[in-house]
Amino acid sequence: MDGLCCPTCGCEKLFHYSSAIGVYECTLCGINVDQHDLIPTEQFLEQDNDAALSRR
Protein backbone atom coordinates (compact mmCIF):
# COMPACT_ATOMS: atom_id res chain seq x y z
CA MET A 1 0.00 0.00 0.00
CA ASP A 2 1.37 3.37 -0.94
CA GLY A 3 2.44 5.31 2.10
CA LEU A 4 0.84 2.88 4.58
CA CYS A 5 2.49 0.12 6.52
CA CYS A 6 1.98 -2.62 9.08
CA PRO A 7 1.72 -1.07 12.57
CA THR A 8 3.72 -3.97 14.04
CA CYS A 9 6.84 -4.15 11.86
CA GLY A 10 6.63 -1.23 9.40
CA CYS A 11 6.50 -3.41 6.29
CA GLU A 12 4.74 -1.82 3.31
CA LYS A 13 4.22 -5.13 1.50
CA LEU A 14 0.64 -5.96 2.37
CA PHE A 15 -1.47 -8.62 0.70
CA HIS A 16 -5.20 -7.90 0.40
CA TYR A 17 -7.56 -10.80 0.98
CA SER A 18 -10.17 -10.74 -1.75
CA SER A 19 -12.67 -12.58 0.45
CA ALA A 20 -12.30 -10.22 3.41
CA ILE A 21 -13.10 -6.58 2.80
CA GLY A 22 -10.48 -4.26 4.25
CA VAL A 23 -8.23 -6.98 5.67
CA TYR A 24 -4.57 -7.16 4.72
CA GLU A 25 -1.84 -9.63 5.60
CA CYS A 26 1.66 -8.33 6.23
CA THR A 27 4.09 -10.32 4.10
CA LEU A 28 6.91 -9.77 6.60
CA CYS A 29 5.44 -10.65 10.02
CA GLY A 30 2.31 -12.48 8.80
CA ILE A 31 -0.30 -10.71 10.94
CA ASN A 32 -3.71 -9.74 9.61
CA VAL A 33 -4.33 -6.00 9.75
CA ASP A 34 -7.60 -4.14 9.30
CA GLN A 35 -7.30 -1.28 6.81
CA HIS A 36 -8.17 1.19 9.58
CA ASP A 37 -5.22 -0.02 11.67
CA LEU A 38 -2.64 0.62 8.95
CA ILE A 39 -0.45 3.63 9.73
CA PRO A 40 1.52 6.03 7.54
CA THR A 41 5.07 4.77 6.99
CA GLU A 42 6.43 8.15 8.10
CA GLN A 43 4.59 7.82 11.42
CA PHE A 44 6.07 4.34 11.98
CA LEU A 45 9.58 5.65 11.29
CA GLU A 46 9.07 8.51 13.77
CA GLN A 47 7.87 6.04 16.44
CA ASP A 48 10.90 3.84 15.77
CA ASN A 49 13.27 6.81 16.12
CA ASP A 50 11.59 7.88 19.37
CA ALA A 51 11.95 4.36 20.77
CA ALA A 52 15.63 4.23 19.80
CA LEU A 53 16.29 7.55 21.51
CA SER A 54 14.53 6.48 24.70
CA ARG A 55 16.74 3.36 24.94
CA ARG A 56 19.92 5.44 25.17
PDB file of N, CA and C in Angstrom:
ATOM      1  N   MET A   1       0.859  -1.181   0.000  1.00  0.00           N
ATOM      2  CA  MET A   1       0.000   0.000   0.000  1.00  0.00           C
ATOM      3  C   MET A   1       0.897   1.232   0.000  1.00  0.00           C
ATOM      4  N   ASP A   2       0.568   2.152  -0.837  1.00  0.00           N
ATOM      5  CA  ASP A   2       1.371   3.366  -0.944  1.00  0.00           C
ATOM      6  C   ASP A   2       1.272   4.228   0.295  1.00  0.00           C
ATOM      7  N   GLY A   3       2.392   4.408   0.958  1.00  0.00           N
ATOM      8  CA  GLY A   3       2.439   5.306   2.100  1.00  0.00           C
ATOM      9  C   GLY A   3       1.901   4.739   3.397  1.00  0.00           C
ATOM     10  N   LEU A   4       1.360   3.510   3.368  1.00  0.00           N
ATOM     11  CA  LEU A   4       0.836   2.884   4.578  1.00  0.00           C
ATOM     12  C   LEU A   4       1.635   1.625   4.875  1.00  0.00           C
ATOM     13  N   CYS A   5       1.705   1.292   6.154  1.00  0.00           N
ATOM     14  CA  CYS A   5       2.487   0.117   6.522  1.00  0.00           C
ATOM     15  C   CYS A   5       1.849  -0.628   7.690  1.00  0.00           C
ATOM     16  N   CYS A   6       2.399  -1.798   7.952  1.00  0.00           N
ATOM     17  CA  CYS A   6       1.975  -2.624   9.077  1.00  0.00           C
ATOM     18  C   CYS A   6       2.348  -1.900  10.373  1.00  0.00           C
ATOM     19  N   PRO A   7       1.417  -1.771  11.319  1.00  0.00           N
ATOM     20  CA  PRO A   7       1.715  -1.066  12.566  1.00  0.00           C
ATOM     21  C   PRO A   7       2.666  -1.859  13.485  1.00  0.00           C
ATOM     22  N   THR A   8       2.862  -3.137  13.203  1.00  0.00           N
ATOM     23  CA  THR A   8       3.724  -3.970  14.039  1.00  0.00           C
ATOM     24  C   THR A   8       5.190  -3.897  13.619  1.00  0.00           C
ATOM     25  N   CYS A   9       5.441  -4.059  12.307  1.00  0.00           N
ATOM     26  CA  CYS A   9       6.836  -4.152  11.861  1.00  0.00           C
ATOM     27  C   CYS A   9       7.249  -3.073  10.873  1.00  0.00           C
ATOM     28  N   GLY A  10       6.293  -2.303  10.329  1.00  0.00           N
ATOM     29  CA  GLY A  10       6.629  -1.225   9.399  1.00  0.00           C
ATOM     30  C   GLY A  10       6.727  -1.651   7.952  1.00  0.00           C
ATOM     31  N   CYS A  11       6.420  -2.905   7.658  1.00  0.00           N
ATOM     32  CA  CYS A  11       6.496  -3.408   6.287  1.00  0.00           C
ATOM     33  C   CYS A  11       5.383  -2.793   5.435  1.00  0.00           C
ATOM     34  N   GLU A  12       5.740  -2.389   4.209  1.00  0.00           N
ATOM     35  CA  GLU A  12       4.739  -1.822   3.306  1.00  0.00           C
ATOM     36  C   GLU A  12       4.177  -2.866   2.339  1.00  0.00           C
ATOM     37  N   LYS A  13       4.681  -4.088   2.406  1.00  0.00           N
ATOM     38  CA  LYS A  13       4.223  -5.133   1.495  1.00  0.00           C
ATOM     39  C   LYS A  13       3.058  -5.867   2.137  1.00  0.00           C
ATOM     40  N   LEU A  14       1.864  -5.422   1.783  1.00  0.00           N
ATOM     41  CA  LEU A  14       0.644  -5.957   2.368  1.00  0.00           C
ATOM     42  C   LEU A  14      -0.171  -6.652   1.296  1.00  0.00           C
ATOM     43  N   PHE A  15      -0.679  -7.833   1.621  1.00  0.00           N
ATOM     44  CA  PHE A  15      -1.470  -8.625   0.704  1.00  0.00           C
ATOM     45  C   PHE A  15      -2.938  -8.483   1.083  1.00  0.00           C
ATOM     46  N   HIS A  16      -3.773  -8.080   0.130  1.00  0.00           N
ATOM     47  CA  HIS A  16      -5.201  -7.900   0.397  1.00  0.00           C
ATOM     48  C   HIS A  16      -5.945  -9.195   0.157  1.00  0.00           C
ATOM     49  N   TYR A  17      -6.712  -9.622   1.152  1.00  0.00           N
ATOM     50  CA  TYR A  17      -7.556 -10.796   0.983  1.00  0.00           C
ATOM     51  C   TYR A  17      -8.786 -10.411   0.185  1.00  0.00           C
ATOM     52  N   SER A  18      -9.023 -11.080  -0.928  1.00  0.00           N
ATOM     53  CA  SER A  18     -10.173 -10.737  -1.755  1.00  0.00           C
ATOM     54  C   SER A  18     -11.485 -11.136  -1.089  1.00  0.00           C
ATOM     55  N   SER A  19     -11.435 -12.118  -0.207  1.00  0.00           N
ATOM     56  CA  SER A  19     -12.668 -12.575   0.445  1.00  0.00           C
ATOM     57  C   SER A  19     -13.013 -11.759   1.685  1.00  0.00           C
ATOM     58  N   ALA A  20     -12.061 -11.016   2.202  1.00  0.00           N
ATOM     59  CA  ALA A  20     -12.302 -10.222   3.409  1.00  0.00           C
ATOM     60  C   ALA A  20     -12.097  -8.742   3.088  1.00  0.00           C
ATOM     61  N   ILE A  21     -13.161  -7.998   3.156  1.00  0.00           N
ATOM     62  CA  ILE A  21     -13.096  -6.577   2.803  1.00  0.00           C
ATOM     63  C   ILE A  21     -12.289  -5.806   3.842  1.00  0.00           C
ATOM     64  N   GLY A  22     -11.259  -5.107   3.366  1.00  0.00           N
ATOM     65  CA  GLY A  22     -10.478  -4.256   4.249  1.00  0.00           C
ATOM     66  C   GLY A  22      -9.490  -4.965   5.153  1.00  0.00           C
ATOM     67  N   VAL A  23      -9.187  -6.238   4.857  1.00  0.00           N
ATOM     68  CA  VAL A  23      -8.226  -6.976   5.673  1.00  0.00           C
ATOM     69  C   VAL A  23      -6.987  -7.264   4.833  1.00  0.00           C
ATOM     70  N   TYR A  24      -5.842  -6.949   5.408  1.00  0.00           N
ATOM     71  CA  TYR A  24      -4.571  -7.161   4.724  1.00  0.00           C
ATOM     72  C   TYR A  24      -3.693  -8.068   5.567  1.00  0.00           C
ATOM     73  N   GLU A  25      -2.829  -8.824   4.892  1.00  0.00           N
ATOM     74  CA  GLU A  25      -1.835  -9.634   5.597  1.00  0.00           C
ATOM     75  C   GLU A  25      -0.468  -9.033   5.316  1.00  0.00           C
ATOM     76  N   CYS A  26       0.304  -8.830   6.364  1.00  0.00           N
ATOM     77  CA  CYS A  26       1.661  -8.330   6.226  1.00  0.00           C
ATOM     78  C   CYS A  26       2.529  -9.481   5.722  1.00  0.00           C
ATOM     79  N   THR A  27       3.260  -9.251   4.646  1.00  0.00           N
ATOM     80  CA  THR A  27       4.086 -10.323   4.096  1.00  0.00           C
ATOM     81  C   THR A  27       5.359 -10.541   4.905  1.00  0.00           C
ATOM     82  N   LEU A  28       5.703  -9.612   5.794  1.00  0.00           N
ATOM     83  CA  LEU A  28       6.910  -9.771   6.599  1.00  0.00           C
ATOM     84  C   LEU A  28       6.632 -10.519   7.905  1.00  0.00           C
ATOM     85  N   CYS A  29       5.680 -10.011   8.713  1.00  0.00           N
ATOM     86  CA  CYS A  29       5.436 -10.648  10.015  1.00  0.00           C
ATOM     87  C   CYS A  29       4.215 -11.567  10.019  1.00  0.00           C
ATOM     88  N   GLY A  30       3.401 -11.522   8.950  1.00  0.00           N
ATOM     89  CA  GLY A  30       2.310 -12.475   8.797  1.00  0.00           C
ATOM     90  C   GLY A  30       1.022 -12.160   9.536  1.00  0.00           C
ATOM     91  N   ILE A  31       0.954 -11.003  10.224  1.00  0.00           N
ATOM     92  CA  ILE A  31      -0.296 -10.714  10.938  1.00  0.00           C
ATOM     93  C   ILE A  31      -1.356 -10.162   9.984  1.00  0.00           C
ATOM     94  N   ASN A  32      -2.609 -10.328  10.352  1.00  0.00           N
ATOM     95  CA  ASN A  32      -3.709  -9.736   9.607  1.00  0.00           C
ATOM     96  C   ASN A  32      -4.001  -8.363  10.187  1.00  0.00           C
ATOM     97  N   VAL A  33      -4.139  -7.374   9.311  1.00  0.00           N
ATOM     98  CA  VAL A  33      -4.330  -5.997   9.745  1.00  0.00           C
ATOM     99  C   VAL A  33      -5.558  -5.418   9.065  1.00  0.00           C
ATOM    100  N   ASP A  34      -6.449  -4.840   9.854  1.00  0.00           N
ATOM    101  CA  ASP A  34      -7.602  -4.138   9.305  1.00  0.00           C
ATOM    102  C   ASP A  34      -7.115  -2.863   8.635  1.00  0.00           C
ATOM    103  N   GLN A  35      -7.747  -2.467   7.537  1.00  0.00           N
ATOM    104  CA  GLN A  35      -7.299  -1.280   6.808  1.00  0.00           C
ATOM    105  C   GLN A  35      -7.277  -0.027   7.679  1.00  0.00           C
ATOM    106  N   HIS A  36      -8.122   0.017   8.707  1.00  0.00           N
ATOM    107  CA  HIS A  36      -8.170   1.193   9.583  1.00  0.00           C
ATOM    108  C   HIS A  36      -7.032   1.197  10.592  1.00  0.00           C
ATOM    109  N   ASP A  37      -6.348   0.066  10.735  1.00  0.00           N
ATOM    110  CA  ASP A  37      -5.224  -0.022  11.669  1.00  0.00           C
ATOM    111  C   ASP A  37      -3.879   0.241  11.004  1.00  0.00           C
ATOM    112  N   LEU A  38      -3.874   0.311   9.660  1.00  0.00           N
ATOM    113  CA  LEU A  38      -2.638   0.619   8.953  1.00  0.00           C
ATOM    114  C   LEU A  38      -2.223   2.046   9.300  1.00  0.00           C
ATOM    115  N   ILE A  39      -0.919   2.289   9.390  1.00  0.00           N
ATOM    116  CA  ILE A  39      -0.447   3.630   9.730  1.00  0.00           C
ATOM    117  C   ILE A  39       0.470   4.152   8.628  1.00  0.00           C
ATOM    118  N   PRO A  40       0.589   5.478   8.521  1.00  0.00           N
ATOM    119  CA  PRO A  40       1.520   6.034   7.543  1.00  0.00           C
ATOM    120  C   PRO A  40       2.954   5.584   7.850  1.00  0.00           C
ATOM    121  N   THR A  41       3.695   5.242   6.813  1.00  0.00           N
ATOM    122  CA  THR A  41       5.072   4.774   6.993  1.00  0.00           C
ATOM    123  C   THR A  41       5.895   5.805   7.750  1.00  0.00           C
ATOM    124  N   GLU A  42       5.690   7.067   7.434  1.00  0.00           N
ATOM    125  CA  GLU A  42       6.434   8.149   8.099  1.00  0.00           C
ATOM    126  C   GLU A  42       6.181   8.132   9.611  1.00  0.00           C
ATOM    127  N   GLN A  43       4.941   7.884  10.001  1.00  0.00           N
ATOM    128  CA  GLN A  43       4.594   7.823  11.424  1.00  0.00           C
ATOM    129  C   GLN A  43       5.310   6.652  12.097  1.00  0.00           C
ATOM    130  N   PHE A  44       5.379   5.503  11.420  1.00  0.00           N
ATOM    131  CA  PHE A  44       6.074   4.335  11.982  1.00  0.00           C
ATOM    132  C   PHE A  44       7.548   4.657  12.185  1.00  0.00           C
ATOM    133  N   LEU A  45       8.162   5.309  11.197  1.00  0.00           N
ATOM    134  CA  LEU A  45       9.582   5.646  11.294  1.00  0.00           C
ATOM    135  C   LEU A  45       9.838   6.614  12.445  1.00  0.00           C
ATOM    136  N   GLU A  46       8.934   7.567  12.656  1.00  0.00           N
ATOM    137  CA  GLU A  46       9.073   8.509  13.772  1.00  0.00           C
ATOM    138  C   GLU A  46       8.962   7.779  15.105  1.00  0.00           C
ATOM    139  N   GLN A  47       8.030   6.827  15.214  1.00  0.00           N
ATOM    140  CA  GLN A  47       7.874   6.043  16.441  1.00  0.00           C
ATOM    141  C   GLN A  47       9.133   5.230  16.708  1.00  0.00           C
ATOM    142  N   ASP A  48       9.697   4.657  15.654  1.00  0.00           N
ATOM    143  CA  ASP A  48      10.898   3.841  15.766  1.00  0.00           C
ATOM    144  C   ASP A  48      12.076   4.692  16.241  1.00  0.00           C
ATOM    145  N   ASN A  49      12.191   5.897  15.702  1.00  0.00           N
ATOM    146  CA  ASN A  49      13.267   6.810  16.124  1.00  0.00           C
ATOM    147  C   ASN A  49      13.097   7.216  17.582  1.00  0.00           C
ATOM    148  N   ASP A  50      11.863   7.503  17.986  1.00  0.00           N
ATOM    149  CA  ASP A  50      11.590   7.884  19.373  1.00  0.00           C
ATOM    150  C   ASP A  50      11.958   6.737  20.329  1.00  0.00           C
ATOM    151  N   ALA A  51      11.634   5.525  19.932  1.00  0.00           N
ATOM    152  CA  ALA A  51      11.947   4.360  20.770  1.00  0.00           C
ATOM    153  C   ALA A  51      13.460   4.171  20.882  1.00  0.00           C
ATOM    154  N   ALA A  52      14.170   4.375  19.786  1.00  0.00           N
ATOM    155  CA  ALA A  52      15.629   4.225  19.800  1.00  0.00           C
ATOM    156  C   ALA A  52      16.267   5.276  20.701  1.00  0.00           C
ATOM    157  N   LEU A  53      15.756   6.488  20.673  1.00  0.00           N
ATOM    158  CA  LEU A  53      16.287   7.554  21.509  1.00  0.00           C
ATOM    159  C   LEU A  53      16.030   7.291  22.991  1.00  0.00           C
ATOM    160  N   SER A  54      14.875   6.714  23.297  1.00  0.00           N
ATOM    161  CA  SER A  54      14.527   6.480  24.701  1.00  0.00           C
ATOM    162  C   SER A  54      15.339   5.318  25.299  1.00  0.00           C
ATOM    163  N   ARG A  55      15.934   4.478  24.446  1.00  0.00           N
ATOM    164  CA  ARG A  55      16.740   3.356  24.941  1.00  0.00           C
ATOM    165  C   ARG A  55      18.163   3.778  25.290  1.00  0.00           C
ATOM    166  N   ARG A  56      18.540   4.972  24.908  1.00  0.00           N
ATOM    167  CA  ARG A  56      19.915   5.438  25.172  1.00  0.00           C
ATOM    168  C   ARG A  56      20.096   5.817  26.602  1.00  0.00           C
TER     169      ARG A  56
END
